[in-house]
Amino acid sequence: MRHVNIHQTRHTYARIIFEDSGDLIETQSALDHESQATTRAYVHTVAVKKDKHSNRIARRIGQRRIKSSNDS
């Protein structure tokens, strides 16, 4: 089992809250962040990882890349 630090635990907590609620303000409040920019950094990490894993799955089943909401 690998070592998990408090920072990784907070990121996991933020991910669970945001994925469950989809609400940036609720996630900000739960993490006790003063700035939404800080919370957005946590949420952005979640979105990037989702895109990465979605595309990995699509490649494995032979489909083309799934377009993310960040694509133009």
PDB file of N, CA and C in Angstrom:
ATOM      1  N   MET A   1       0.848  -1.181   0.000  1.00  0.00           N
ATOM      2  CA  MET A   1       0.000   0.000   0.000  1.00  0.00           C
ATOM      3  C   MET A   1       0.891   1.242   0.000  1.00  0.00           C
ATOM      4  N   ARG A   2       0.546   2.189  -0.866  1.00  0.00           N
ATOM      5  CA  ARG A   2       1.396   3.380  -0.935  1.00  0.00           C
ATOM      6  C   ARG A   2       1.001   4.396   0.133  1.00  0.00           C
ATOM      7  N   HIS A   3       1.944   5.249   0.460  1.00  0.00           N
ATOM      8  CA  HIS A   3       1.737   6.284   1.467  1.00  0.00           C
ATOM      9  C   HIS A   3       0.812   7.369   0.909  1.00  0.00           C
ATOM     10  N   VAL A   4      -0.172   7.769   1.665  1.00  0.00           N
ATOM     11  CA  VAL A   4      -1.102   8.834   1.281  1.00  0.00           C
ATOM     12  C   VAL A   4      -0.942   9.982   2.263  1.00  0.00           C
ATOM     13  N   ASN A   5      -0.767  11.196   1.726  1.00  0.00           N
ATOM     14  CA  ASN A   5      -0.607  12.344   2.615  1.00  0.00           C
ATOM     15  C   ASN A   5      -1.913  13.141   2.706  1.00  0.00           C
ATOM     16  N   ILE A   6      -1.949  14.113   3.567  1.00  0.00           N
ATOM     17  CA  ILE A   6      -3.163  14.889   3.819  1.00  0.00           C
ATOM     18  C   ILE A   6      -3.592  15.668   2.579  1.00  0.00           C
ATOM     19  N   HIS A   7      -2.647  16.142   1.791  1.00  0.00           N
ATOM     20  CA  HIS A   7      -2.985  16.896   0.586  1.00  0.00           C
ATOM     21  C   HIS A   7      -3.730  16.005  -0.412  1.00  0.00           C
ATOM     22  N   GLN A   8      -3.276  14.784  -0.591  1.00  0.00           N
ATOM     23  CA  GLN A   8      -3.960  13.842  -1.494  1.00  0.00           C
ATOM     24  C   GLN A   8      -5.365  13.529  -0.965  1.00  0.00           C
ATOM     25  N   THR A   9      -5.485  13.429   0.332  1.00  0.00           N
ATOM     26  CA  THR A   9      -6.784  13.157   0.937  1.00  0.00           C
ATOM     27  C   THR A   9      -7.752  14.310   0.670  1.00  0.00           C
ATOM     28  N   ARG A  10      -7.274  15.553   0.765  1.00  0.00           N
ATOM     29  CA  ARG A  10      -8.132  16.721   0.481  1.00  0.00           C
ATOM     30  C   ARG A  10      -8.580  16.731  -0.975  1.00  0.00           C
ATOM     31  N   HIS A  11      -7.678  16.380  -1.890  1.00  0.00           N
ATOM     32  CA  HIS A  11      -8.042  16.324  -3.301  1.00  0.00           C
ATOM     33  C   HIS A  11      -9.128  15.268  -3.536  1.00  0.00           C
ATOM     34  N   THR A  12      -8.994  14.128  -2.896  1.00  0.00           N
ATOM     35  CA  THR A  12      -9.998  13.071  -3.022  1.00  0.00           C
ATOM     36  C   THR A  12     -11.329  13.541  -2.470  1.00  0.00           C
ATOM     37  N   TYR A  13     -11.302  14.165  -1.320  1.00  0.00           N
ATOM     38  CA  TYR A  13     -12.511  14.706  -0.687  1.00  0.00           C
ATOM     39  C   TYR A  13     -13.178  15.726  -1.613  1.00  0.00           C
ATOM     40  N   ALA A  14     -12.375  16.633  -2.180  1.00  0.00           N
ATOM     41  CA  ALA A  14     -12.904  17.647  -3.098  1.00  0.00           C
ATOM     42  C   ALA A  14     -13.535  16.987  -4.319  1.00  0.00           C
ATOM     43  N   ARG A  15     -12.874  15.996  -4.863  1.00  0.00           N
ATOM     44  CA  ARG A  15     -13.386  15.300  -6.044  1.00  0.00           C
ATOM     45  C   ARG A  15     -14.738  14.654  -5.754  1.00  0.00           C
ATOM     46  N   ILE A  16     -14.840  13.989  -4.617  1.00  0.00           N
ATOM     47  CA  ILE A  16     -16.090  13.308  -4.255  1.00  0.00           C
ATOM     48  C   ILE A  16     -17.223  14.321  -4.098  1.00  0.00           C
ATOM     49  N   ILE A  17     -16.946  15.413  -3.408  1.00  0.00           N
ATOM     50  CA  ILE A  17     -17.977  16.439  -3.205  1.00  0.00           C
ATOM     51  C   ILE A  17     -18.404  17.049  -4.531  1.00  0.00           C
ATOM     52  N   PHE A  18     -17.425  17.414  -5.365  1.00  0.00           N
ATOM     53  CA  PHE A  18     -17.761  18.070  -6.626  1.00  0.00           C
ATOM     54  C   PHE A  18     -18.483  17.121  -7.573  1.00  0.00           C
ATOM     55  N   GLU A  19     -18.031  15.882  -7.660  1.00  0.00           N
ATOM     56  CA  GLU A  19     -18.701  14.933  -8.542  1.00  0.00           C
ATOM     57  C   GLU A  19     -20.122  14.651  -8.072  1.00  0.00           C
ATOM     58  N   ASP A  20     -20.323  14.629  -6.777  1.00  0.00           N
ATOM     59  CA  ASP A  20     -21.657  14.362  -6.237  1.00  0.00           C
ATOM     60  C   ASP A  20     -22.600  15.546  -6.426  1.00  0.00           C
ATOM     61  N   SER A  21     -22.096  16.745  -6.154  1.00  0.00           N
ATOM     62  CA  SER A  21     -22.976  17.925  -6.181  1.00  0.00           C
ATOM     63  C   SER A  21     -22.893  18.707  -7.486  1.00  0.00           C
ATOM     64  N   GLY A  22     -21.723  18.710  -8.118  1.00  0.00           N
ATOM     65  CA  GLY A  22     -21.519  19.538  -9.306  1.00  0.00           C
ATOM     66  C   GLY A  22     -21.528  21.023  -8.984  1.00  0.00           C
ATOM     67  N   ASP A  23     -21.424  21.358  -7.706  1.00  0.00           N
ATOM     68  CA  ASP A  23     -21.566  22.739  -7.239  1.00  0.00           C
ATOM     69  C   ASP A  23     -20.226  23.250  -6.711  1.00  0.00           C
ATOM     70  N   LEU A  24     -19.658  24.217  -7.411  1.00  0.00           N
ATOM     71  CA  LEU A  24     -18.371  24.778  -7.011  1.00  0.00           C
ATOM     72  C   LEU A  24     -18.449  25.458  -5.645  1.00  0.00           C
ATOM     73  N   ILE A  25     -19.534  26.174  -5.384  1.00  0.00           N
ATOM     74  CA  ILE A  25     -19.672  26.893  -4.112  1.00  0.00           C
ATOM     75  C   ILE A  25     -19.779  25.916  -2.938  1.00  0.00           C
ATOM     76  N   GLU A  26     -20.529  24.846  -3.122  1.00  0.00           N
ATOM     77  CA  GLU A  26     -20.631  23.827  -2.062  1.00  0.00           C
ATOM     78  C   GLU A  26     -19.268  23.184  -1.800  1.00  0.00           C
ATOM     79  N   THR A  27     -18.532  22.904  -2.869  1.00  0.00           N
ATOM     80  CA  THR A  27     -17.201  22.313  -2.728  1.00  0.00           C
ATOM     81  C   THR A  27     -16.267  23.293  -2.033  1.00  0.00           C
ATOM     82  N   GLN A  28     -16.331  24.561  -2.426  1.00  0.00           N
ATOM     83  CA  GLN A  28     -15.516  25.608  -1.794  1.00  0.00           C
ATOM     84  C   GLN A  28     -15.797  25.684  -0.298  1.00  0.00           C
ATOM     85  N   SER A  29     -17.051  25.656   0.060  1.00  0.00           N
ATOM     86  CA  SER A  29     -17.445  25.740   1.459  1.00  0.00           C
ATOM     87  C   SER A  29     -16.953  24.523   2.248  1.00  0.00           C
ATOM     88  N   ALA A  30     -17.103  23.348   1.663  1.00  0.00           N
ATOM     89  CA  ALA A  30     -16.680  22.119   2.349  1.00  0.00           C
ATOM     90  C   ALA A  30     -15.175  22.096   2.587  1.00  0.00           C
ATOM     91  N   LEU A  31     -14.415  22.686   1.662  1.00  0.00           N
ATOM     92  CA  LEU A  31     -12.958  22.710   1.795  1.00  0.00           C
ATOM     93  C   LEU A  31     -12.467  23.917   2.587  1.00  0.00           C
ATOM     94  N   ASP A  32     -13.383  24.816   2.923  1.00  0.00           N
ATOM     95  CA  ASP A  32     -13.067  26.034   3.665  1.00  0.00           C
ATOM     96  C   ASP A  32     -12.069  26.912   2.915  1.00  0.00           C
ATOM     97  N   HIS A  33     -12.244  26.990   1.576  1.00  0.00           N
ATOM     98  CA  HIS A  33     -11.412  27.872   0.762  1.00  0.00           C
ATOM     99  C   HIS A  33     -12.007  29.272   0.783  1.00  0.00           C
ATOM    100  N   GLU A  34     -11.160  30.273   0.904  1.00  0.00           N
ATOM    101  CA  GLU A  34     -11.626  31.655   0.820  1.00  0.00           C
ATOM    102  C   GLU A  34     -11.848  32.059  -0.627  1.00  0.00           C
ATOM    103  N   SER A  35     -11.057  31.508  -1.520  1.00  0.00           N
ATOM    104  CA  SER A  35     -11.093  31.896  -2.920  1.00  0.00           C
ATOM    105  C   SER A  35     -11.663  30.781  -3.791  1.00  0.00           C
ATOM    106  N   GLN A  36     -12.559  31.169  -4.720  1.00  0.00           N
ATOM    107  CA  GLN A  36     -13.065  30.181  -5.666  1.00  0.00           C
ATOM    108  C   GLN A  36     -11.962  29.717  -6.611  1.00  0.00           C
ATOM    109  N   ALA A  37     -10.954  30.556  -6.816  1.00  0.00           N
ATOM    110  CA  ALA A  37      -9.845  30.182  -7.697  1.00  0.00           C
ATOM    111  C   ALA A  37      -9.131  28.938  -7.164  1.00  0.00           C
ATOM    112  N   THR A  38      -8.967  28.864  -5.867  1.00  0.00           N
ATOM    113  CA  THR A  38      -8.333  27.692  -5.258  1.00  0.00           C
ATOM    114  C   THR A  38      -9.183  26.454  -5.496  1.00  0.00           C
ATOM    115  N   THR A  39     -10.472  26.584  -5.304  1.00  0.00           N
ATOM    116  CA  THR A  39     -11.381  25.456  -5.503  1.00  0.00           C
ATOM    117  C   THR A  39     -11.413  25.059  -6.972  1.00  0.00           C
ATOM    118  N   ARG A  40     -11.384  26.048  -7.876  1.00  0.00           N
ATOM    119  CA  ARG A  40     -11.371  25.747  -9.309  1.00  0.00           C
ATOM    120  C   ARG A  40     -10.146  24.920  -9.686  1.00  0.00           C
ATOM    121  N   ALA A  41      -9.019  25.142  -9.025  1.00  0.00           N
ATOM    122  CA  ALA A  41      -7.815  24.354  -9.307  1.00  0.00           C
ATOM    123  C   ALA A  41      -8.061  22.880  -8.980  1.00  0.00           C
ATOM    124  N   TYR A  42      -8.750  22.610  -7.892  1.00  0.00           N
ATOM    125  CA  TYR A  42      -9.094  21.232  -7.526  1.00  0.00           C
ATOM    126  C   TYR A  42     -10.046  20.638  -8.562  1.00  0.00           C
ATOM    127  N   VAL A  43     -11.060  21.399  -8.950  1.00  0.00           N
ATOM    128  CA  VAL A  43     -12.075  20.938  -9.892  1.00  0.00           C
ATOM    129  C   VAL A  43     -11.457  20.718 -11.275  1.00  0.00           C
ATOM    130  N   HIS A  44     -10.559  21.598 -11.685  1.00  0.00           N
ATOM    131  CA  HIS A  44      -9.892  21.456 -12.978  1.00  0.00           C
ATOM    132  C   HIS A  44      -9.126  20.137 -13.033  1.00  0.00           C
ATOM    133  N   THR A  45      -8.458  19.801 -11.951  1.00  0.00           N
ATOM    134  CA  THR A  45      -7.724  18.541 -11.877  1.00  0.00           C
ATOM    135  C   THR A  45      -8.669  17.366 -12.109  1.00  0.00           C
ATOM    136  N   VAL A  46      -9.861  17.420 -11.534  1.00  0.00           N
ATOM    137  CA  VAL A  46     -10.864  16.366 -11.714  1.00  0.00           C
ATOM    138  C   VAL A  46     -11.241  16.260 -13.189  1.00  0.00           C
ATOM    139  N   ALA A  47     -11.511  17.391 -13.845  1.00  0.00           N
ATOM    140  CA  ALA A  47     -11.927  17.385 -15.247  1.00  0.00           C
ATOM    141  C   ALA A  47     -10.832  16.840 -16.156  1.00  0.00           C
ATOM    142  N   VAL A  48      -9.597  17.240 -15.909  1.00  0.00           N
ATOM    143  CA  VAL A  48      -8.472  16.763 -16.724  1.00  0.00           C
ATOM    144  C   VAL A  48      -8.319  15.255 -16.578  1.00  0.00           C
ATOM    145  N   LYS A  49      -8.408  14.746 -15.374  1.00  0.00           N
ATOM    146  CA  LYS A  49      -8.279  13.306 -15.159  1.00  0.00           C
ATOM    147  C   LYS A  49      -9.423  12.544 -15.814  1.00  0.00           C
ATOM    148  N   LYS A  50     -10.643  13.088 -15.750  1.00  0.00           N
ATOM    149  CA  LYS A  50     -11.785  12.430 -16.393  1.00  0.00           C
ATOM    150  C   LYS A  50     -11.556  12.323 -17.893  1.00  0.00           C
ATOM    151  N   ASP A  51     -11.120  13.425 -18.523  1.00  0.00           N
ATOM    152  CA  ASP A  51     -10.859  13.409 -19.958  1.00  0.00           C
ATOM    153  C   ASP A  51      -9.782  12.393 -20.296  1.00  0.00           C
ATOM    154  N   LYS A  52      -8.732  12.377 -19.523  1.00  0.00           N
ATOM    155  CA  LYS A  52      -7.619  11.454 -19.768  1.00  0.00           C
ATOM    156  C   LYS A  52      -8.103  10.007 -19.709  1.00  0.00           C
ATOM    157  N   HIS A  53      -8.850   9.669 -18.686  1.00  0.00           N
ATOM    158  CA  HIS A  53      -9.309   8.294 -18.529  1.00  0.00           C
ATOM    159  C   HIS A  53     -10.380   7.934 -19.549  1.00  0.00           C
ATOM    160  N   SER A  54     -11.246   8.865 -19.901  1.00  0.00           N
ATOM    161  CA  SER A  54     -12.263   8.617 -20.925  1.00  0.00           C
ATOM    162  C   SER A  54     -11.603   8.297 -22.260  1.00  0.00           C
ATOM    163  N   ASN A  55     -10.580   9.054 -22.598  1.00  0.00           N
ATOM    164  CA  ASN A  55      -9.881   8.830 -23.858  1.00  0.00           C
ATOM    165  C   ASN A  55      -9.107   7.514 -23.848  1.00  0.00           C
ATOM    166  N   ARG A  56      -8.556   7.145 -22.716  1.00  0.00           N
ATOM    167  CA  ARG A  56      -7.853   5.873 -22.603  1.00  0.00           C
ATOM    168  C   ARG A  56      -8.834   4.713 -22.822  1.00  0.00           C
ATOM    169  N   ILE A  57     -10.001   4.812 -22.244  1.00  0.00           N
ATOM    170  CA  ILE A  57     -11.025   3.768 -22.412  1.00  0.00           C
ATOM    171  C   ILE A  57     -11.466   3.708 -23.873  1.00  0.00           C
ATOM    172  N   ALA A  58     -11.697   4.868 -24.489  1.00  0.00           N
ATOM    173  CA  ALA A  58     -12.131   4.916 -25.891  1.00  0.00           C
ATOM    174  C   ALA A  58     -11.094   4.254 -26.799  1.00  0.00           C
ATOM    175  N   ARG A  59      -9.822   4.510 -26.562  1.00  0.00           N
ATOM    176  CA  ARG A  59      -8.765   3.882 -27.367  1.00  0.00           C
ATOM    177  C   ARG A  59      -8.778   2.369 -27.207  1.00  0.00           C
ATOM    178  N   ARG A  60      -8.997   1.909 -25.991  1.00  0.00           N
ATOM    179  CA  ARG A  60      -8.994   0.469 -25.739  1.00  0.00           C
ATOM    180  C   ARG A  60     -10.145  -0.243 -26.429  1.00  0.00           C
ATOM    181  N   ILE A  61     -11.268   0.436 -26.582  1.00  0.00           N
ATOM    182  CA  ILE A  61     -12.395  -0.220 -27.245  1.00  0.00           C
ATOM    183  C   ILE A  61     -12.466   0.157 -28.723  1.00  0.00           C
ATOM    184  N   GLY A  62     -11.436   0.872 -29.202  1.00  0.00           N
ATOM    185  CA  GLY A  62     -11.320   1.151 -30.625  1.00  0.00           C
ATOM    186  C   GLY A  62     -12.126   2.318 -31.129  1.00  0.00           C
ATOM    187  N   GLN A  63     -12.541   3.191 -30.267  1.00  0.00           N
ATOM    188  CA  GLN A  63     -13.282   4.372 -30.699  1.00  0.00           C
ATOM    189  C   GLN A  63     -12.333   5.548 -30.797  1.00  0.00           C
ATOM    190  N   ARG A  64     -12.784   6.554 -31.503  1.00  0.00           N
ATOM    191  CA  ARG A  64     -11.956   7.762 -31.602  1.00  0.00           C
ATOM    192  C   ARG A  64     -12.041   8.562 -30.305  1.00  0.00           C
ATOM    193  N   ARG A  65     -11.179   9.549 -30.191  1.00  0.00           N
ATOM    194  CA  ARG A  65     -11.097  10.398 -29.017  1.00  0.00           C
ATOM    195  C   ARG A  65     -12.432  11.050 -28.704  1.00  0.00           C
ATOM    196  N   ILE A  66     -12.782  11.069 -27.427  1.00  0.00           N
ATOM    197  CA  ILE A  66     -13.998  11.726 -26.968  1.00  0.00           C
ATOM    198  C   ILE A  66     -13.693  13.205 -26.762  1.00  0.00           C
ATOM    199  N   LYS A  67     -14.485  14.064 -27.379  1.00  0.00           N
ATOM    200  CA  LYS A  67     -14.260  15.498 -27.280  1.00  0.00           C
ATOM    201  C   LYS A  67     -14.627  15.991 -25.884  1.00  0.00           C
ATOM    202  N   SER A  68     -13.732  16.762 -25.277  1.00  0.00           N
ATOM    203  CA  SER A  68     -13.996  17.302 -23.943  1.00  0.00           C
ATOM    204  C   SER A  68     -14.671  18.653 -24.047  1.00  0.00           C
ATOM    205  N   SER A  69     -15.210  19.124 -22.952  1.00  0.00           N
ATOM    206  CA  SER A  69     -15.859  20.429 -22.912  1.00  0.00           C
ATOM    207  C   SER A  69     -14.860  21.557 -23.093  1.00  0.00           C
ATOM    208  N   ASN A  70     -13.552  21.271 -22.916  1.00  0.00           N
ATOM    209  CA  ASN A  70     -12.518  22.288 -23.073  1.00  0.00           C
ATOM    210  C   ASN A  70     -12.087  22.453 -24.518  1.00  0.00           C
ATOM    211  N   ASP A  71     -12.482  21.514 -25.410  1.00  0.00           N
ATOM    212  CA  ASP A  71     -12.112  21.595 -26.826  1.00  0.00           C
ATOM    213  C   ASP A  71     -12.930  22.667 -27.527  1.00  0.00           C
ATOM    214  N   SER A  72     -12.307  23.312 -28.508  1.00  0.00           N
ATOM    215  CA  SER A  72     -13.025  24.340 -29.283  1.00  0.00           C
ATOM    216  C   SER A  72     -13.665  23.734 -30.492  1.00  0.00           C
TER     217      SER A  72
END
